[in-house]
Protein backbone atom coordinates (compact mmCIF):
# COMPACT_ATOMS: atom_id res chain seq x y z
CA MET A 1 120.77 -58.01 29.62
CA LEU A 2 117.74 -56.10 30.88
CA LEU A 3 115.36 -58.73 29.51
CA SER A 4 117.23 -61.38 31.48
CA MET A 5 117.01 -59.24 34.63
CA PHE A 6 113.27 -58.55 34.16
CA PRO A 7 111.84 -61.67 32.48
CA LYS A 8 108.37 -61.58 34.07
CA LYS A 9 105.35 -60.31 32.17
CA GLY A 10 104.77 -56.63 32.80
CA GLU A 11 108.28 -55.93 34.08
CA MET A 12 109.64 -54.64 30.78
CA HIS A 13 107.63 -53.02 28.00
CA LEU A 14 109.26 -53.02 24.57
CA ASP A 15 107.67 -52.83 21.13
CA GLU A 16 107.78 -56.28 19.52
CA ASP A 17 109.59 -55.05 16.41
CA ALA A 18 112.04 -52.73 18.19
CA VAL A 19 114.99 -55.11 18.58
CA PRO A 20 114.42 -57.04 15.31
CA SER A 21 114.44 -53.75 13.35
CA VAL A 22 117.85 -52.90 14.83
CA GLN A 23 119.13 -56.38 14.10
CA ARG A 24 117.94 -56.16 10.48
CA TYR A 25 119.79 -52.87 10.08
CA LEU A 26 122.98 -54.35 11.52
CA ARG A 27 122.79 -57.17 8.97
CA ASN A 28 122.17 -54.71 6.13
CA SER A 29 123.24 -51.15 6.88
CA ASP A 30 122.21 -49.92 3.43
CA GLY A 31 118.59 -49.65 4.55
CA ALA A 32 116.88 -46.89 6.51
CA LEU A 33 117.99 -46.26 10.06
CA PRO A 34 115.78 -48.08 12.59
CA PRO A 35 113.72 -46.08 15.12
CA GLN A 36 115.42 -45.20 18.37
CA LEU A 37 114.94 -47.89 21.02
CA GLU A 38 112.24 -46.83 23.44
CA TYR A 39 111.13 -49.00 26.36
CA SER A 40 110.20 -48.96 30.03
CA VAL A 41 111.21 -51.03 33.05
CA THR A 42 108.86 -51.50 36.03
CA ILE A 43 110.69 -51.68 39.36
CA ASP A 44 109.33 -52.98 42.68
CA VAL A 45 110.37 -50.72 45.55
CA GLY A 46 110.22 -51.49 49.28
CA GLU A 47 108.35 -54.21 51.16
CA ALA A 48 105.02 -52.95 49.82
CA LYS A 49 106.33 -53.51 46.26
CA ALA A 50 105.31 -50.06 45.07
CA LYS A 51 105.78 -49.72 41.31
CA VAL A 52 108.18 -47.20 39.79
CA GLU A 53 108.45 -47.12 36.02
CA LEU A 54 111.66 -46.02 34.30
CA GLN A 55 111.01 -44.79 30.75
CA VAL A 56 114.08 -45.01 28.52
CA LEU A 57 114.89 -43.60 25.08
CA LEU A 58 118.25 -44.72 23.73
CA PRO A 59 120.01 -42.49 21.18
CA ARG A 60 121.39 -44.45 18.24
CA THR A 61 124.92 -43.63 19.48
CA TYR A 62 124.33 -44.86 23.04
CA PRO A 63 126.38 -45.25 25.23
CA HIS A 64 128.54 -42.48 23.74
CA VAL A 65 125.48 -40.23 24.10
CA ALA A 66 123.54 -40.48 27.36
CA PRO A 67 120.00 -41.94 27.27
CA GLN A 68 116.86 -39.94 28.01
CA LEU A 69 115.42 -41.20 31.32
CA PHE A 70 112.16 -40.41 33.11
CA ALA A 71 110.84 -42.09 36.27
CA ARG A 72 107.14 -42.09 37.13
CA SER A 73 104.79 -43.82 39.53
CA ASP A 74 101.06 -43.67 40.24
CA ALA A 75 102.07 -43.56 43.93
CA LEU A 76 104.04 -40.32 43.48
CA HIS A 77 102.62 -36.84 43.57
CA ARG A 78 103.87 -34.42 40.96
CA GLN A 79 106.33 -32.67 43.29
CA GLN A 80 107.87 -35.92 44.57
CA GLN A 81 108.13 -37.21 40.98
CA LEU A 82 109.91 -34.00 39.94
CA GLU A 83 112.33 -34.27 42.87
CA LEU A 84 113.00 -37.96 42.13
CA ASN A 85 113.84 -37.22 38.49
CA THR A 86 116.05 -34.28 39.44
CA CYS A 87 118.10 -36.47 41.79
CA LEU A 88 118.22 -39.30 39.24
CA ALA A 89 119.55 -36.91 36.59
CA SER A 90 122.13 -35.57 39.04
CA HIS A 91 123.33 -39.09 39.83
CA MET A 92 123.52 -40.08 36.16
CA SER A 93 125.55 -36.97 35.31
CA SER A 94 128.14 -37.99 37.91
CA LEU A 95 128.91 -41.24 36.07
CA ASP A 96 131.73 -41.62 33.57
CA SER A 97 130.58 -40.72 30.06
CA GLY A 98 130.46 -43.45 27.44
CA GLU A 99 129.56 -46.20 29.92
CA LEU A 100 126.46 -48.44 29.89
CA CYS A 101 124.23 -46.79 32.48
CA VAL A 102 120.59 -47.97 32.24
CA CYS A 103 121.20 -50.78 34.75
CA GLU A 104 122.79 -48.22 37.05
CA ALA A 105 119.65 -46.06 36.77
CA VAL A 106 117.45 -49.07 37.61
CA GLN A 107 119.56 -49.88 40.66
CA TRP A 108 119.58 -46.25 41.82
CA LEU A 109 115.77 -46.15 41.67
CA LYS A 110 115.55 -49.41 43.63
CA ASP A 111 117.82 -47.96 46.33
CA ASN A 112 116.51 -44.39 46.47
CA SER A 113 112.81 -44.23 45.50
CA LEU A 114 111.33 -45.27 48.86
CA PRO A 115 111.67 -41.88 50.65
CA TYR A 116 109.85 -40.13 47.79
CA LEU A 117 107.06 -42.73 47.88
CA GLU A 118 106.70 -42.33 51.65
CA ASN A 119 106.53 -38.54 51.34
CA SER A 120 103.76 -38.92 48.75
CA ARG A 121 101.84 -41.26 51.09
CA ILE A 122 102.12 -38.79 53.97
CA SER A 123 100.97 -35.94 51.71
CA SER A 124 98.00 -38.04 50.54
CA GLU A 125 96.96 -38.87 54.11
CA SER A 126 97.21 -35.21 55.05
CA ALA A 127 95.17 -34.12 52.06
CA SER A 128 92.46 -36.73 52.74
CA GLU A 129 91.82 -35.13 56.13
CA LYS A 130 90.67 -31.93 54.48
CA ALA A 131 86.93 -31.42 53.99
CA ALA A 132 87.12 -31.04 50.23
CA VAL A 133 89.73 -32.17 47.76
CA LYS A 134 89.95 -30.06 44.63
CA GLU A 135 90.95 -31.47 41.27
CA THR A 136 91.58 -29.67 38.02
CA LEU A 137 90.39 -30.94 34.64
CA ARG A 138 92.76 -29.74 31.94
CA ARG A 139 91.90 -29.72 28.25
CA MET A 140 94.75 -29.12 25.81
CA TRP A 141 94.32 -28.27 22.13
CA ILE A 142 97.48 -29.18 20.20
CA TYR A 143 98.21 -28.29 16.56
CA SER A 144 100.73 -29.89 14.22
CA HIS A 145 101.51 -29.25 10.55
CA HIS A 146 100.77 -32.93 9.93
CA ILE A 147 100.47 -36.29 11.66
CA TYR A 148 101.18 -39.30 9.43
CA ARG A 149 103.71 -41.74 10.88
CA GLN A 150 102.24 -44.91 12.39
CA GLU A 151 105.00 -44.94 15.00
CA LEU A 152 104.02 -41.45 16.18
CA ARG A 153 100.29 -42.22 16.15
CA LYS A 154 100.89 -45.36 18.24
CA LYS A 155 102.86 -43.29 20.76
CA ILE A 156 100.02 -40.74 21.01
CA PHE A 157 97.30 -43.36 21.56
CA ASP A 158 99.38 -45.47 23.98
CA CYS A 159 100.24 -42.43 26.07
CA ALA A 160 96.64 -41.16 26.18
CA LYS A 161 95.39 -44.58 27.28
CA LYS A 162 98.09 -44.93 29.92
CA LEU A 163 97.28 -41.52 31.43
CA ASN A 164 93.48 -41.98 31.29
CA LEU A 165 93.02 -39.09 28.88
CA THR A 166 90.04 -38.63 26.58
CA GLY A 167 89.83 -36.55 23.41
CA PHE A 168 90.97 -37.28 19.86
CA CYS A 169 93.79 -37.32 17.34
CA LEU A 170 93.00 -35.88 13.89
CA THR A 171 95.39 -37.68 11.57
CA GLY A 172 96.61 -36.14 8.33
CA LYS A 173 97.32 -32.56 7.31
CA PRO A 174 96.84 -30.57 9.45
CA GLY A 175 97.11 -32.69 12.59
CA VAL A 176 95.16 -31.82 15.72
CA ILE A 177 95.22 -33.47 19.14
CA CYS A 178 92.88 -32.77 22.04
CA VAL A 179 93.48 -34.37 25.43
CA GLU A 180 91.49 -33.88 28.62
CA GLY A 181 92.00 -35.33 32.06
CA LEU A 182 93.83 -34.59 35.28
CA GLN A 183 96.10 -31.58 34.97
CA GLU A 184 99.29 -33.47 35.83
CA ASN A 185 98.45 -36.25 33.33
CA CYS A 186 97.94 -33.74 30.50
CA GLU A 187 101.27 -32.13 31.35
CA GLU A 188 103.01 -35.51 31.23
CA PHE A 189 101.35 -36.29 27.87
CA TRP A 190 102.63 -32.98 26.46
CA HIS A 191 106.13 -33.80 27.70
CA VAL A 192 106.13 -37.35 26.32
CA ILE A 193 104.81 -36.73 22.80
CA ARG A 194 107.16 -33.80 22.12
CA TYR A 195 110.14 -35.82 23.28
CA PRO A 196 112.67 -36.12 21.82
CA ASN A 197 112.31 -33.89 18.74
CA TRP A 198 108.79 -33.21 17.41
CA LYS A 199 109.41 -29.73 15.99
CA HIS A 200 106.22 -28.76 14.12
CA ILE A 201 103.85 -28.84 17.09
CA SER A 202 102.35 -26.22 19.40
CA CYS A 203 99.78 -26.07 22.17
CA LYS A 204 97.25 -23.53 20.88
CA HIS A 205 94.86 -23.39 23.82
CA VAL A 206 94.50 -24.73 27.38
CA GLU A 207 91.33 -24.93 29.46
CA ASN A 208 91.40 -25.53 33.23
CA ILE A 209 88.27 -26.33 35.23
CA GLU A 210 88.58 -26.75 39.01
CA THR A 211 86.10 -28.99 40.82
CA GLU A 212 85.60 -30.47 44.26
CA GLY A 213 84.01 -33.57 42.77
CA GLY A 214 85.30 -35.98 40.14
CA ILE A 215 86.44 -34.62 36.79
CA ASP A 216 84.67 -37.23 34.64
CA ASP A 217 81.41 -35.25 34.48
CA LEU A 218 83.34 -32.33 33.01
CA ARG A 219 84.78 -34.26 30.08
CA LEU A 220 83.54 -33.42 26.57
CA PHE A 221 84.81 -36.73 25.18
CA HIS A 222 84.21 -40.22 26.56
CA ALA A 223 87.14 -41.97 24.84
CA PHE A 224 90.28 -41.11 22.88
CA GLU A 225 89.16 -41.18 19.25
CA ASP A 226 91.02 -41.63 15.96
CA LEU A 227 89.66 -39.00 13.54
CA GLN A 228 90.21 -39.18 9.78
CA PHE A 229 87.98 -36.87 7.74
CA GLN A 230 88.43 -37.44 4.01
CA ALA A 231 87.90 -34.56 1.61
CA HIS A 232 87.99 -36.36 -1.75
CA GLY A 233 87.64 -40.10 -1.23
CA ASP A 234 90.02 -42.51 0.42
CA TYR A 235 93.61 -41.91 -0.64
CA GLY A 236 95.31 -43.35 2.43
CA LEU A 237 97.68 -41.38 4.66
CA ARG A 238 99.88 -39.76 2.02
CA ASN A 239 102.07 -36.73 2.57
CA ASP A 240 99.71 -34.52 0.53
CA TYR A 241 96.58 -35.77 2.27
CA HIS A 242 94.44 -32.83 3.52
CA MET A 243 91.64 -33.40 5.99
CA ASP A 244 88.12 -32.02 5.39
CA LEU A 245 88.04 -29.15 7.86
CA GLY A 246 84.29 -28.67 7.37
CA GLN A 247 83.66 -32.13 8.81
CA PHE A 248 86.10 -31.36 11.58
CA LEU A 249 84.24 -28.15 12.48
CA GLU A 250 80.98 -30.10 12.63
CA PHE A 251 82.63 -32.64 14.94
CA LEU A 252 83.84 -29.82 17.23
CA LYS A 253 80.36 -28.29 17.41
CA GLN A 254 78.89 -31.68 18.33
CA HIS A 255 81.26 -31.65 21.30
CA GLN A 256 80.57 -28.06 22.44
CA SER A 257 83.90 -26.87 21.05
CA GLY A 258 83.06 -24.97 17.87
CA HIS A 259 84.85 -21.86 19.18
CA ILE A 260 88.15 -23.78 19.14
CA PHE A 261 88.20 -23.86 15.31
CA GLN A 262 89.12 -20.17 15.10
CA ILE A 263 91.81 -20.61 17.78
CA LEU A 264 93.41 -23.51 15.89
CA PHE A 265 93.29 -22.08 12.37
CA ASP A 266 92.92 -18.30 12.89
CA VAL A 267 89.75 -18.30 10.76
CA GLU A 268 86.09 -18.31 11.70
CA GLY A 269 84.53 -21.71 10.98
CA LYS A 270 81.27 -21.83 9.00
CA LEU A 271 79.27 -24.87 8.01
CA SER A 272 77.63 -25.04 4.60
CA ASP A 273 73.82 -24.91 4.37
CA LYS A 274 73.66 -28.24 2.52
């Protein structure tokens, strides 16, 4: 139904295999459960056609269990985005439980997003009149027991690209993620990747650097890299696959971050003399 409502390219973002994997399971329910459906709908708001994106995660028992919804827009400041999502959640909670409600959320955003967008525009114009605009570069160091699943790795890289974050993802055991960029974008990344139920993950360290110029000169990384350091040859991403932490320490030192090793692993990192 949503695909028929938003048929144009760029209006609806859905992984190509998402629906077929559900359909395959419905034909043969003896197999593994398919991933939860996750997609986004881009909505044009007002005469200026400002873009508001509704991110949707459907529980497998939807509509008996309410979906997870999050609205965002490049035209919204953080405060207006928070207020918009608070009001959206309040409206959704007023609906009868067990009913299809994603279309209702789309319509509510069409009808109610404009005031929040206008408030953001006014705030931007007011801020631009000030002599200096300060920005904060945030760098987050995130530790996980392991990172293996292709679905999770894709989510990490897609989110980092979307939010203009640089850094890296160390795949394997342990798993380490570093993201750096605008403070609000790092916070959104942290919200998105943990959602809905990544349990074995923690943010070990946060760095904030305030500047009156652009943040790009403060970045330690110039892209978002995929790191895979292999200790004993190439065994593929198996569940017992341990990364070579010596190579990882060397990588950190090359990026002025050697001190982070002790914060992540509670041990002092030392390189061999070889």
